[in-house]
Amino acid sequence: MRKLVTQVLTSHGATTISGVGRLNQAWEMLVQTAKEGKPFQMIICDWHMPDGSGVDFAKKCRAHPIYKDVGFLMLTTETKIDNVVNAMLAGIDNYDVKPVQEDVLLRKLRAIAKKRFTD
C-alpha cells in the first residue's frame, strides 16, 4: 500500500515522501524533522500498524506543538461508523477505505490541504 500511495503522490508532483512500516519509526522521524526545522505537512497513516493504532498516533500528533495542525489522512479497511467517528474525534482530517483508488485519494488529500493550508 505504501508503494502505491508513493507512486500516486510522485506522479502528481510530490517531491519529499517518507514511508515507514511502524508507528514508533514514524514518530521518531516526525520528532527529528521537527528538530531540524523541516516538519512534515501531511501524514497518511494506516489504522492497523504492528506497534500501535493509527488513531493513537493521530492523538499523539495532535498533542505535539508542531504537529497539532498537520494534515492527517487515515487509510484503512475499517468501515464501521463508530470507527470513523473515533478517528475523527482523534483529530484525523479525512478517512479513505482500502483498496485505495487514485482519484479518491487525491481528492481527499486536496480537501485536507485546502482545510489546513488555505486561509
PDB file of N, CA and C in Angstrom:
ATOM      1  N   MET A   1       0.826  -1.187   0.000  1.00  0.00           N
ATOM      2  CA  MET A   1       0.000   0.000   0.000  1.00  0.00           C
ATOM      3  C   MET A   1       0.873   1.255   0.000  1.00  0.00           C
ATOM      4  N   ARG A   2       1.952   1.211   0.775  1.00  0.00           N
ATOM      5  CA  ARG A   2       2.866   2.355   0.854  1.00  0.00           C
ATOM      6  C   ARG A   2       3.459   2.668  -0.516  1.00  0.00           C
ATOM      7  N   LYS A   3       3.811   1.625  -1.269  1.00  0.00           N
ATOM      8  CA  LYS A   3       4.383   1.833  -2.608  1.00  0.00           C
ATOM      9  C   LYS A   3       3.360   2.457  -3.547  1.00  0.00           C
ATOM     10  N   LEU A   4       2.124   1.987  -3.475  1.00  0.00           N
ATOM     11  CA  LEU A   4       1.072   2.522  -4.331  1.00  0.00           C
ATOM     12  C   LEU A   4       0.828   4.000  -4.019  1.00  0.00           C
ATOM     13  N   VAL A   5       0.712   4.340  -2.766  1.00  0.00           N
ATOM     14  CA  VAL A   5       0.487   5.733  -2.374  1.00  0.00           C
ATOM     15  C   VAL A   5       1.668   6.598  -2.807  1.00  0.00           C
ATOM     16  N   THR A   6       2.877   6.100  -2.621  1.00  0.00           N
ATOM     17  CA  THR A   6       4.066   6.848  -3.038  1.00  0.00           C
ATOM     18  C   THR A   6       4.057   7.083  -4.543  1.00  0.00           C
ATOM     19  N   GLN A   7       3.697   6.075  -5.324  1.00  0.00           N
ATOM     20  CA  GLN A   7       3.636   6.216  -6.777  1.00  0.00           C
ATOM     21  C   GLN A   7       2.606   7.266  -7.189  1.00  0.00           C
ATOM     22  N   VAL A   8       1.451   7.223  -6.545  1.00  0.00           N
ATOM     23  CA  VAL A   8       0.404   8.200  -6.859  1.00  0.00           C
ATOM     24  C   VAL A   8       0.887   9.610  -6.548  1.00  0.00           C
ATOM     25  N   LEU A   9       1.472   9.779  -5.373  1.00  0.00           N
ATOM     26  CA  LEU A   9       1.918  11.114  -4.965  1.00  0.00           C
ATOM     27  C   LEU A   9       3.034  11.648  -5.861  1.00  0.00           C
ATOM     28  N   THR A  10       4.008  10.803  -6.171  1.00  0.00           N
ATOM     29  CA  THR A  10       5.112  11.275  -7.021  1.00  0.00           C
ATOM     30  C   THR A  10       4.638  11.570  -8.439  1.00  0.00           C
ATOM     31  N   SER A  11       3.685  10.803  -8.929  1.00  0.00           N
ATOM     32  CA  SER A  11       3.176  11.053 -10.276  1.00  0.00           C
ATOM     33  C   SER A  11       2.378  12.355 -10.346  1.00  0.00           C
ATOM     34  N   HIS A  12       2.025  12.904  -9.188  1.00  0.00           N
ATOM     35  CA  HIS A  12       1.287  14.172  -9.142  1.00  0.00           C
ATOM     36  C   HIS A  12       2.126  15.296  -8.544  1.00  0.00           C
ATOM     37  N   GLY A  13       3.444  15.119  -8.552  1.00  0.00           N
ATOM     38  CA  GLY A  13       4.334  16.220  -8.215  1.00  0.00           C
ATOM     39  C   GLY A  13       4.912  16.257  -6.817  1.00  0.00           C
ATOM     40  N   ALA A  14       4.547  15.340  -5.950  1.00  0.00           N
ATOM     41  CA  ALA A  14       5.140  15.334  -4.610  1.00  0.00           C
ATOM     42  C   ALA A  14       6.621  14.995  -4.725  1.00  0.00           C
ATOM     43  N   THR A  15       7.447  15.724  -4.004  1.00  0.00           N
ATOM     44  CA  THR A  15       8.887  15.536  -4.133  1.00  0.00           C
ATOM     45  C   THR A  15       9.540  14.967  -2.879  1.00  0.00           C
ATOM     46  N   THR A  16       8.937  15.175  -1.735  1.00  0.00           N
ATOM     47  CA  THR A  16       9.527  14.673  -0.498  1.00  0.00           C
ATOM     48  C   THR A  16       8.522  13.760   0.190  1.00  0.00           C
ATOM     49  N   ILE A  17       8.779  12.468   0.109  1.00  0.00           N
ATOM     50  CA  ILE A  17       7.887  11.476   0.699  1.00  0.00           C
ATOM     51  C   ILE A  17       8.735  10.523   1.523  1.00  0.00           C
ATOM     52  N   SER A  18       8.303  10.254   2.728  1.00  0.00           N
ATOM     53  CA  SER A  18       8.978   9.278   3.587  1.00  0.00           C
ATOM     54  C   SER A  18       7.946   8.252   4.012  1.00  0.00           C
ATOM     55  N   GLY A  19       8.349   7.019   4.027  1.00  0.00           N
ATOM     56  CA  GLY A  19       7.426   5.965   4.438  1.00  0.00           C
ATOM     57  C   GLY A  19       8.102   4.982   5.372  1.00  0.00           C
ATOM     58  N   VAL A  20       7.391   4.624   6.401  1.00  0.00           N
ATOM     59  CA  VAL A  20       7.878   3.635   7.355  1.00  0.00           C
ATOM     60  C   VAL A  20       6.749   2.671   7.676  1.00  0.00           C
ATOM     61  N   GLY A  21       7.100   1.524   8.200  1.00  0.00           N
ATOM     62  CA  GLY A  21       6.104   0.497   8.482  1.00  0.00           C
ATOM     63  C   GLY A  21       5.675   0.387   9.935  1.00  0.00           C
ATOM     64  N   ARG A  22       6.270   1.194  10.784  1.00  0.00           N
ATOM     65  CA  ARG A  22       5.949   1.111  12.204  1.00  0.00           C
ATOM     66  C   ARG A  22       5.705   2.518  12.746  1.00  0.00           C
ATOM     67  N   LEU A  23       4.778   2.616  13.678  1.00  0.00           N
ATOM     68  CA  LEU A  23       4.449   3.917  14.247  1.00  0.00           C
ATOM     69  C   LEU A  23       5.600   4.503  15.054  1.00  0.00           C
ATOM     70  N   ASN A  24       6.352   3.659  15.740  1.00  0.00           N
ATOM     71  CA  ASN A  24       7.494   4.182  16.504  1.00  0.00           C
ATOM     72  C   ASN A  24       8.514   4.835  15.569  1.00  0.00           C
ATOM     73  N   GLN A  25       8.758   4.210  14.427  1.00  0.00           N
ATOM     74  CA  GLN A  25       9.669   4.797  13.436  1.00  0.00           C
ATOM     75  C   GLN A  25       9.106   6.115  12.908  1.00  0.00           C
ATOM     76  N   ALA A  26       7.816   6.137  12.662  1.00  0.00           N
ATOM     77  CA  ALA A  26       7.175   7.349  12.156  1.00  0.00           C
ATOM     78  C   ALA A  26       7.302   8.478  13.171  1.00  0.00           C
ATOM     79  N   TRP A  27       7.070   8.171  14.438  1.00  0.00           N
ATOM     80  CA  TRP A  27       7.158   9.198  15.463  1.00  0.00           C
ATOM     81  C   TRP A  27       8.588   9.745  15.574  1.00  0.00           C
ATOM     82  N   GLU A  28       9.563   8.845  15.551  1.00  0.00           N
ATOM     83  CA  GLU A  28      10.967   9.283  15.602  1.00  0.00           C
ATOM     84  C   GLU A  28      11.283  10.201  14.419  1.00  0.00           C
ATOM     85  N   MET A  29      10.778   9.863  13.242  1.00  0.00           N
ATOM     86  CA  MET A  29      11.003  10.673  12.057  1.00  0.00           C
ATOM     87  C   MET A  29      10.337  12.046  12.213  1.00  0.00           C
ATOM     88  N   LEU A  30       9.126  12.072  12.731  1.00  0.00           N
ATOM     89  CA  LEU A  30       8.432  13.343  12.925  1.00  0.00           C
ATOM     90  C   LEU A  30       9.181  14.245  13.899  1.00  0.00           C
ATOM     91  N   VAL A  31       9.622  13.676  14.991  1.00  0.00           N
ATOM     92  CA  VAL A  31      10.339  14.452  16.005  1.00  0.00           C
ATOM     93  C   VAL A  31      11.653  14.980  15.420  1.00  0.00           C
ATOM     94  N   GLN A  32      12.368  14.139  14.702  1.00  0.00           N
ATOM     95  CA  GLN A  32      13.652  14.549  14.122  1.00  0.00           C
ATOM     96  C   GLN A  32      13.477  15.666  13.097  1.00  0.00           C
ATOM     97  N   THR A  33      12.505  15.528  12.221  1.00  0.00           N
ATOM     98  CA  THR A  33      12.313  16.564  11.204  1.00  0.00           C
ATOM     99  C   THR A  33      11.841  17.876  11.839  1.00  0.00           C
ATOM    100  N   ALA A  34      11.087  17.783  12.906  1.00  0.00           N
ATOM    101  CA  ALA A  34      10.672  18.996  13.619  1.00  0.00           C
ATOM    102  C   ALA A  34      11.895  19.687  14.228  1.00  0.00           C
ATOM    103  N   LYS A  35      12.803  18.912  14.813  1.00  0.00           N
ATOM    104  CA  LYS A  35      14.024  19.479  15.396  1.00  0.00           C
ATOM    105  C   LYS A  35      14.880  20.151  14.328  1.00  0.00           C
ATOM    106  N   GLU A  36      14.861  19.601  13.120  1.00  0.00           N
ATOM    107  CA  GLU A  36      15.648  20.145  12.007  1.00  0.00           C
ATOM    108  C   GLU A  36      14.962  21.341  11.350  1.00  0.00           C
ATOM    109  N   GLY A  37      13.762  21.673  11.812  1.00  0.00           N
ATOM    110  CA  GLY A  37      13.024  22.788  11.238  1.00  0.00           C
ATOM    111  C   GLY A  37      12.359  22.471   9.914  1.00  0.00           C
ATOM    112  N   LYS A  38      12.173  21.179   9.636  1.00  0.00           N
ATOM    113  CA  LYS A  38      11.545  20.750   8.388  1.00  0.00           C
ATOM    114  C   LYS A  38      10.400  19.780   8.681  1.00  0.00           C
ATOM    115  N   PRO A  39       9.418  20.216   9.462  1.00  0.00           N
ATOM    116  CA  PRO A  39       8.344  19.292   9.847  1.00  0.00           C
ATOM    117  C   PRO A  39       7.489  18.872   8.652  1.00  0.00           C
ATOM    118  N   PHE A  40       6.930  17.694   8.769  1.00  0.00           N
ATOM    119  CA  PHE A  40       6.020  17.202   7.744  1.00  0.00           C
ATOM    120  C   PHE A  40       4.747  18.043   7.753  1.00  0.00           C
ATOM    121  N   GLN A  41       4.126  18.188   6.599  1.00  0.00           N
ATOM    122  CA  GLN A  41       2.875  18.921   6.485  1.00  0.00           C
ATOM    123  C   GLN A  41       1.676  17.996   6.377  1.00  0.00           C
ATOM    124  N   MET A  42       1.932  16.738   5.974  1.00  0.00           N
ATOM    125  CA  MET A  42       0.841  15.802   5.761  1.00  0.00           C
ATOM    126  C   MET A  42       1.268  14.417   6.236  1.00  0.00           C
ATOM    127  N   ILE A  43       0.352  13.729   6.890  1.00  0.00           N
ATOM    128  CA  ILE A  43       0.587  12.351   7.324  1.00  0.00           C
ATOM    129  C   ILE A  43      -0.504  11.482   6.722  1.00  0.00           C
ATOM    130  N   ILE A  44      -0.092  10.386   6.120  1.00  0.00           N
ATOM    131  CA  ILE A  44      -1.018   9.359   5.653  1.00  0.00           C
ATOM    132  C   ILE A  44      -0.679   8.120   6.462  1.00  0.00           C
ATOM    133  N   CYS A  45      -1.644   7.640   7.203  1.00  0.00           N
ATOM    134  CA  CYS A  45      -1.377   6.579   8.171  1.00  0.00           C
ATOM    135  C   CYS A  45      -2.416   5.468   8.064  1.00  0.00           C
ATOM    136  N   ASP A  46      -1.971   4.255   8.217  1.00  0.00           N
ATOM    137  CA  ASP A  46      -2.881   3.116   8.282  1.00  0.00           C
ATOM    138  C   ASP A  46      -3.483   3.041   9.681  1.00  0.00           C
ATOM    139  N   TRP A  47      -4.638   2.461   9.783  1.00  0.00           N
ATOM    140  CA  TRP A  47      -5.280   2.272  11.087  1.00  0.00           C
ATOM    141  C   TRP A  47      -4.507   1.255  11.915  1.00  0.00           C
ATOM    142  N   HIS A  48      -4.210   0.109  11.292  1.00  0.00           N
ATOM    143  CA  HIS A  48      -3.566  -1.001  11.998  1.00  0.00           C
ATOM    144  C   HIS A  48      -2.087  -1.055  11.647  1.00  0.00           C
ATOM    145  N   MET A  49      -1.256  -0.909  12.648  1.00  0.00           N
ATOM    146  CA  MET A  49       0.187  -0.994  12.464  1.00  0.00           C
ATOM    147  C   MET A  49       0.723  -2.039  13.439  1.00  0.00           C
ATOM    148  N   PRO A  50       1.885  -2.622  13.147  1.00  0.00           N
ATOM    149  CA  PRO A  50       2.413  -3.670  14.030  1.00  0.00           C
ATOM    150  C   PRO A  50       2.615  -3.214  15.477  1.00  0.00           C
ATOM    151  N   ASP A  51       2.885  -1.928  15.662  1.00  0.00           N
ATOM    152  CA  ASP A  51       3.188  -1.474  17.019  1.00  0.00           C
ATOM    153  C   ASP A  51       2.200  -0.434  17.540  1.00  0.00           C
ATOM    154  N   GLY A  52       0.999  -0.392  16.967  1.00  0.00           N
ATOM    155  CA  GLY A  52       0.013   0.532  17.503  1.00  0.00           C
ATOM    156  C   GLY A  52      -1.092   0.859  16.529  1.00  0.00           C
ATOM    157  N   SER A  53      -1.924   1.761  16.966  1.00  0.00           N
ATOM    158  CA  SER A  53      -3.095   2.172  16.207  1.00  0.00           C
ATOM    159  C   SER A  53      -2.860   3.540  15.575  1.00  0.00           C
ATOM    160  N   GLY A  54      -3.306   3.693  14.349  1.00  0.00           N
ATOM    161  CA  GLY A  54      -3.236   4.982  13.696  1.00  0.00           C
ATOM    162  C   GLY A  54      -4.034   6.044  14.435  1.00  0.00           C
ATOM    163  N   VAL A  55      -5.095   5.636  15.115  1.00  0.00           N
ATOM    164  CA  VAL A  55      -5.891   6.569  15.909  1.00  0.00           C
ATOM    165  C   VAL A  55      -5.061   7.102  17.071  1.00  0.00           C
ATOM    166  N   ASP A  56      -4.361   6.211  17.755  1.00  0.00           N
ATOM    167  CA  ASP A  56      -3.488   6.656  18.850  1.00  0.00           C
ATOM    168  C   ASP A  56      -2.372   7.555  18.322  1.00  0.00           C
ATOM    169  N   PHE A  57      -1.865   7.239  17.145  1.00  0.00           N
ATOM    170  CA  PHE A  57      -0.828   8.061  16.527  1.00  0.00           C
ATOM    171  C   PHE A  57      -1.360   9.458  16.217  1.00  0.00           C
ATOM    172  N   ALA A  58      -2.582   9.529  15.712  1.00  0.00           N
ATOM    173  CA  ALA A  58      -3.194  10.828  15.420  1.00  0.00           C
ATOM    174  C   ALA A  58      -3.321  11.652  16.703  1.00  0.00           C
ATOM    175  N   LYS A  59      -3.741  11.017  17.782  1.00  0.00           N
ATOM    176  CA  LYS A  59      -3.857  11.727  19.069  1.00  0.00           C
ATOM    177  C   LYS A  59      -2.499  12.258  19.521  1.00  0.00           C
ATOM    178  N   LYS A  60      -1.471  11.450  19.349  1.00  0.00           N
ATOM    179  CA  LYS A  60      -0.118  11.865  19.734  1.00  0.00           C
ATOM    180  C   LYS A  60       0.335  13.055  18.889  1.00  0.00           C
ATOM    181  N   CYS A  61       0.051  13.007  17.606  1.00  0.00           N
ATOM    182  CA  CYS A  61       0.407  14.127  16.731  1.00  0.00           C
ATOM    183  C   CYS A  61      -0.338  15.386  17.143  1.00  0.00           C
ATOM    184  N   ARG A  62      -1.611  15.286  17.405  1.00  0.00           N
ATOM    185  CA  ARG A  62      -2.416  16.454  17.768  1.00  0.00           C
ATOM    186  C   ARG A  62      -1.979  17.052  19.105  1.00  0.00           C
ATOM    187  N   ALA A  63      -1.330  16.254  19.952  1.00  0.00           N
ATOM    188  CA  ALA A  63      -0.845  16.749  21.241  1.00  0.00           C
ATOM    189  C   ALA A  63       0.536  17.411  21.124  1.00  0.00           C
ATOM    190  N   HIS A  64       1.197  17.256  19.978  1.00  0.00           N
ATOM    191  CA  HIS A  64       2.530  17.812  19.783  1.00  0.00           C
ATOM    192  C   HIS A  64       2.417  19.249  19.271  1.00  0.00           C
ATOM    193  N   PRO A  65       3.186  20.185  19.826  1.00  0.00           N
ATOM    194  CA  PRO A  65       3.034  21.589  19.416  1.00  0.00           C
ATOM    195  C   PRO A  65       3.294  21.861  17.940  1.00  0.00           C
ATOM    196  N   ILE A  66       4.165  21.111  17.321  1.00  0.00           N
ATOM    197  CA  ILE A  66       4.448  21.336  15.904  1.00  0.00           C
ATOM    198  C   ILE A  66       3.483  20.569  15.008  1.00  0.00           C
ATOM    199  N   TYR A  67       3.046  19.402  15.423  1.00  0.00           N
ATOM    200  CA  TYR A  67       2.195  18.564  14.579  1.00  0.00           C
ATOM    201  C   TYR A  67       0.711  18.648  14.918  1.00  0.00           C
ATOM    202  N   LYS A  68       0.337  19.598  15.760  1.00  0.00           N
ATOM    203  CA  LYS A  68      -1.071  19.715  16.140  1.00  0.00           C
ATOM    204  C   LYS A  68      -1.965  20.076  14.960  1.00  0.00           C
ATOM    205  N   ASP A  69      -1.394  20.731  13.947  1.00  0.00           N
ATOM    206  CA  ASP A  69      -2.179  21.145  12.785  1.00  0.00           C
ATOM    207  C   ASP A  69      -1.791  20.435  11.494  1.00  0.00           C
ATOM    208  N   VAL A  70      -1.020  19.363  11.597  1.00  0.00           N
ATOM    209  CA  VAL A  70      -0.600  18.630  10.411  1.00  0.00           C
ATOM    210  C   VAL A  70      -1.817  18.012   9.708  1.00  0.00           C
ATOM    211  N   GLY A  71      -1.774  17.967   8.372  1.00  0.00           N
ATOM    212  CA  GLY A  71      -2.825  17.278   7.637  1.00  0.00           C
ATOM    213  C   GLY A  71      -2.728  15.783   7.918  1.00  0.00           C
ATOM    214  N   PHE A  72      -3.854  15.123   8.154  1.00  0.00           N
ATOM    215  CA  PHE A  72      -3.819  13.716   8.564  1.00  0.00           C
ATOM    216  C   PHE A  72      -4.914  12.928   7.852  1.00  0.00           C
ATOM    217  N   LEU A  73      -4.482  11.958   7.030  1.00  0.00           N
ATOM    218  CA  LEU A  73      -5.389  11.059   6.320  1.00  0.00           C
ATOM    219  C   LEU A  73      -5.199   9.653   6.849  1.00  0.00           C
ATOM    220  N   MET A  74      -6.300   9.008   7.205  1.00  0.00           N
ATOM    221  CA  MET A  74      -6.261   7.621   7.680  1.00  0.00           C
ATOM    222  C   MET A  74      -6.671   6.699   6.533  1.00  0.00           C
ATOM    223  N   LEU A  75      -5.826   5.704   6.247  1.00  0.00           N
ATOM    224  CA  LEU A  75      -6.154   4.655   5.278  1.00  0.00           C
ATOM    225  C   LEU A  75      -6.455   3.390   6.059  1.00  0.00           C
ATOM    226  N   THR A  76      -7.520   2.699   5.699  1.00  0.00           N
ATOM    227  CA  THR A  76      -7.902   1.546   6.497  1.00  0.00           C
ATOM    228  C   THR A  76      -8.883   0.629   5.783  1.00  0.00           C
ATOM    229  N   THR A  77      -9.065  -0.527   6.354  1.00  0.00           N
ATOM    230  CA  THR A  77     -10.135  -1.429   5.931  1.00  0.00           C
ATOM    231  C   THR A  77     -11.326  -1.316   6.876  1.00  0.00           C
ATOM    232  N   GLU A  78     -11.167  -0.532   7.934  1.00  0.00           N
ATOM    233  CA  GLU A  78     -12.248  -0.331   8.913  1.00  0.00           C
ATOM    234  C   GLU A  78     -13.362   0.508   8.282  1.00  0.00           C
ATOM    235  N   THR A  79     -14.589  -0.002   8.337  1.00  0.00           N
ATOM    236  CA  THR A  79     -15.699   0.734   7.735  1.00  0.00           C
ATOM    237  C   THR A  79     -16.841   1.001   8.704  1.00  0.00           C
ATOM    238  N   LYS A  80     -16.743   0.526   9.925  1.00  0.00           N
ATOM    239  CA  LYS A  80     -17.815   0.754  10.901  1.00  0.00           C
ATOM    240  C   LYS A  80     -17.888   2.238  11.246  1.00  0.00           C
ATOM    241  N   ILE A  81     -19.100   2.747  11.325  1.00  0.00           N
ATOM    242  CA  ILE A  81     -19.294   4.165  11.581  1.00  0.00           C
ATOM    243  C   ILE A  81     -18.659   4.588  12.911  1.00  0.00           C
ATOM    244  N   ASP A  82     -18.700   3.721  13.922  1.00  0.00           N
ATOM    245  CA  ASP A  82     -18.068   4.050  15.207  1.00  0.00           C
ATOM    246  C   ASP A  82     -16.570   4.262  15.045  1.00  0.00           C
ATOM    247  N   ASN A  83     -15.938   3.484  14.188  1.00  0.00           N
ATOM    248  CA  ASN A  83     -14.503   3.637  13.943  1.00  0.00           C
ATOM    249  C   ASN A  83     -14.211   4.960  13.237  1.00  0.00           C
ATOM    250  N   VAL A  84     -15.039   5.304  12.272  1.00  0.00           N
ATOM    251  CA  VAL A  84     -14.858   6.568  11.566  1.00  0.00           C
ATOM    252  C   VAL A  84     -15.008   7.723  12.555  1.00  0.00           C
ATOM    253  N   VAL A  85     -16.013   7.674  13.388  1.00  0.00           N
ATOM    254  CA  VAL A  85     -16.248   8.726  14.385  1.00  0.00           C
ATOM    255  C   VAL A  85     -15.065   8.819  15.345  1.00  0.00           C
ATOM    256  N   ASN A  86     -14.586   7.686  15.839  1.00  0.00           N
ATOM    257  CA  ASN A  86     -13.440   7.696  16.754  1.00  0.00           C
ATOM    258  C   ASN A  86     -12.194   8.283  16.099  1.00  0.00           C
ATOM    259  N   ALA A  87     -11.990   7.968  14.845  1.00  0.00           N
ATOM    260  CA  ALA A  87     -10.841   8.516  14.131  1.00  0.00           C
ATOM    261  C   ALA A  87     -10.980  10.032  13.979  1.00  0.00           C
ATOM    262  N   MET A  88     -12.167  10.497  13.654  1.00  0.00           N
ATOM    263  CA  MET A  88     -12.385  11.943  13.529  1.00  0.00           C
ATOM    264  C   MET A  88     -12.197  12.637  14.880  1.00  0.00           C
ATOM    265  N   LEU A  89     -12.680  12.027  15.929  1.00  0.00           N
ATOM    266  CA  LEU A  89     -12.511  12.602  17.270  1.00  0.00           C
ATOM    267  C   LEU A  89     -11.037  12.636  17.682  1.00  0.00           C
ATOM    268  N   ALA A  90     -10.246  11.718  17.137  1.00  0.00           N
ATOM    269  CA  ALA A  90      -8.808  11.687  17.439  1.00  0.00           C
ATOM    270  C   ALA A  90      -8.060  12.771  16.671  1.00  0.00           C
ATOM    271  N   GLY A  91      -8.726  13.391  15.709  1.00  0.00           N
ATOM    272  CA  GLY A  91      -8.104  14.506  15.012  1.00  0.00           C
ATOM    273  C   GLY A  91      -7.712  14.264  13.573  1.00  0.00           C
ATOM    274  N   ILE A  92      -8.119  13.142  12.988  1.00  0.00           N
ATOM    275  CA  ILE A  92      -7.790  12.979  11.571  1.00  0.00           C
ATOM    276  C   ILE A  92      -8.651  13.919  10.751  1.00  0.00           C
ATOM    277  N   ASP A  93      -8.156  14.291   9.589  1.00  0.00           N
ATOM    278  CA  ASP A  93      -8.894  15.191   8.712  1.00  0.00           C
ATOM    279  C   ASP A  93      -9.797  14.453   7.740  1.00  0.00           C
ATOM    280  N   ASN A  94      -9.357  13.272   7.332  1.00  0.00           N
ATOM    281  CA  ASN A  94     -10.137  12.520   6.362  1.00  0.00           C
ATOM    282  C   ASN A  94      -9.783  11.051   6.482  1.00  0.00           C
ATOM    283  N   TYR A  95     -10.567  10.221   5.800  1.00  0.00           N
ATOM    284  CA  TYR A  95     -10.563   8.792   6.008  1.00  0.00           C
ATOM    285  C   TYR A  95     -10.768   8.148   4.651  1.00  0.00           C
ATOM    286  N   ASP A  96      -9.932   7.186   4.272  1.00  0.00           N
ATOM    287  CA  ASP A  96     -10.098   6.503   2.995  1.00  0.00           C
ATOM    288  C   ASP A  96     -10.032   5.006   3.223  1.00  0.00           C
ATOM    289  N   VAL A  97     -10.954   4.303   2.614  1.00  0.00           N
ATOM    290  CA  VAL A  97     -11.052   2.858   2.792  1.00  0.00           C
ATOM    291  C   VAL A  97     -10.282   2.152   1.681  1.00  0.00           C
ATOM    292  N   LYS A  98      -9.497   1.161   2.069  1.00  0.00           N
ATOM    293  CA  LYS A  98      -8.732   0.361   1.113  1.00  0.00           C
ATOM    294  C   LYS A  98      -9.680  -0.578   0.367  1.00  0.00           C
ATOM    295  N   PRO A  99      -9.391  -0.946  -0.845  1.00  0.00           N
ATOM    296  CA  PRO A  99      -8.217  -0.565  -1.612  1.00  0.00           C
ATOM    297  C   PRO A  99      -8.318   0.888  -2.069  1.00  0.00           C
ATOM    298  N   VAL A 100      -7.186   1.546  -2.076  1.00  0.00           N
ATOM    299  CA  VAL A 100      -7.117   2.959  -2.418  1.00  0.00           C
ATOM    300  C   VAL A 100      -7.321   3.137  -3.918  1.00  0.00           C
ATOM    301  N   GLN A 101      -8.145   4.112  -4.270  1.00  0.00           N
ATOM    302  CA  GLN A 101      -8.329   4.489  -5.666  1.00  0.00           C
ATOM    303  C   GLN A 101      -7.682   5.855  -5.852  1.00  0.00           C
ATOM    304  N   GLU A 102      -6.876   5.985  -6.878  1.00  0.00           N
ATOM    305  CA  GLU A 102      -6.078   7.187  -7.083  1.00  0.00           C
ATOM    306  C   GLU A 102      -6.908   8.466  -7.032  1.00  0.00           C
ATOM    307  N   ASP A 103      -8.024   8.510  -7.754  1.00  0.00           N
ATOM    308  CA  ASP A 103      -8.821   9.736  -7.794  1.00  0.00           C
ATOM    309  C   ASP A 103      -9.406  10.087  -6.434  1.00  0.00           C
ATOM    310  N   VAL A 104      -9.818   9.091  -5.687  1.00  0.00           N
ATOM    311  CA  VAL A 104     -10.375   9.333  -4.346  1.00  0.00           C
ATOM    312  C   VAL A 104      -9.278   9.813  -3.401  1.00  0.00           C
ATOM    313  N   LEU A 105      -8.128   9.165  -3.448  1.00  0.00           N
ATOM    314  CA  LEU A 105      -7.003   9.564  -2.597  1.00  0.00           C
ATOM    315  C   LEU A 105      -6.624  11.021  -2.870  1.00  0.00           C
ATOM    316  N   LEU A 106      -6.488  11.375  -4.118  1.00  0.00           N
ATOM    317  CA  LEU A 106      -6.109  12.743  -4.471  1.00  0.00           C
ATOM    318  C   LEU A 106      -7.160  13.755  -4.039  1.00  0.00           C
ATOM    319  N   ARG A 107      -8.414  13.409  -4.229  1.00  0.00           N
ATOM    320  CA  ARG A 107      -9.497  14.313  -3.822  1.00  0.00           C
ATOM    321  C   ARG A 107      -9.467  14.558  -2.309  1.00  0.00           C
ATOM    322  N   LYS A 108      -9.234  13.509  -1.549  1.00  0.00           N
ATOM    323  CA  LYS A 108      -9.206  13.648  -0.090  1.00  0.00           C
ATOM    324  C   LYS A 108      -7.977  14.430   0.368  1.00  0.00           C
ATOM    325  N   LEU A 109      -6.843  14.207  -0.271  1.00  0.00           N
ATOM    326  CA  LEU A 109      -5.638  14.960   0.082  1.00  0.00           C
ATOM    327  C   LEU A 109      -5.788  16.439  -0.266  1.00  0.00           C
ATOM    328  N   ARG A 110      -6.420  16.713  -1.391  1.00  0.00           N
ATOM    329  CA  ARG A 110      -6.663  18.123  -1.758  1.00  0.00           C
ATOM    330  C   ARG A 110      -7.597  18.793  -0.758  1.00  0.00           C
ATOM    331  N   ALA A 111      -8.606  18.066  -0.310  1.00  0.00           N
ATOM    332  CA  ALA A 111      -9.531  18.626   0.685  1.00  0.00           C
ATOM    333  C   ALA A 111      -8.800  18.917   1.994  1.00  0.00           C
ATOM    334  N   ILE A 112      -7.905  18.038   2.387  1.00  0.00           N
ATOM    335  CA  ILE A 112      -7.115  18.276   3.611  1.00  0.00           C
ATOM    336  C   ILE A 112      -6.223  19.493   3.421  1.00  0.00           C
ATOM    337  N   ALA A 113      -5.558  19.578   2.285  1.00  0.00           N
ATOM    338  CA  ALA A 113      -4.674  20.712   2.015  1.00  0.00           C
ATOM    339  C   ALA A 113      -5.453  22.025   2.043  1.00  0.00           C
ATOM    340  N   LYS A 114      -6.626  22.016   1.455  1.00  0.00           N
ATOM    341  CA  LYS A 114      -7.449  23.227   1.444  1.00  0.00           C
ATOM    342  C   LYS A 114      -7.832  23.617   2.875  1.00  0.00           C
ATOM    343  N   LYS A 115      -8.207  22.632   3.675  1.00  0.00           N
ATOM    344  CA  LYS A 115      -8.620  22.887   5.062  1.00  0.00           C
ATOM    345  C   LYS A 115      -7.443  23.390   5.904  1.00  0.00           C
ATOM    346  N   ARG A 116      -6.289  22.770   5.751  1.00  0.00           N
ATOM    347  CA  ARG A 116      -5.155  23.051   6.620  1.00  0.00           C
ATOM    348  C   ARG A 116      -4.271  24.195   6.155  1.00  0.00           C
ATOM    349  N   PHE A 117      -4.198  24.426   4.846  1.00  0.00           N
ATOM    350  CA  PHE A 117      -3.184  25.349   4.328  1.00  0.00           C
ATOM    351  C   PHE A 117      -3.735  26.558   3.594  1.00  0.00           C
ATOM    352  N   THR A 118      -5.050  26.739   3.595  1.00  0.00           N
ATOM    353  CA  THR A 118      -5.648  27.889   2.935  1.00  0.00           C
ATOM    354  C   THR A 118      -6.335  28.745   3.978  1.00  0.00           C
ATOM    355  N   ASP A 119      -6.053  30.009   3.931  1.00  0.00           N
ATOM    356  CA  ASP A 119      -6.681  30.933   4.895  1.00  0.00           C
ATOM    357  C   ASP A 119      -8.066  31.310   4.471  1.00  0.00           C
TER     358      ASP A 119
END
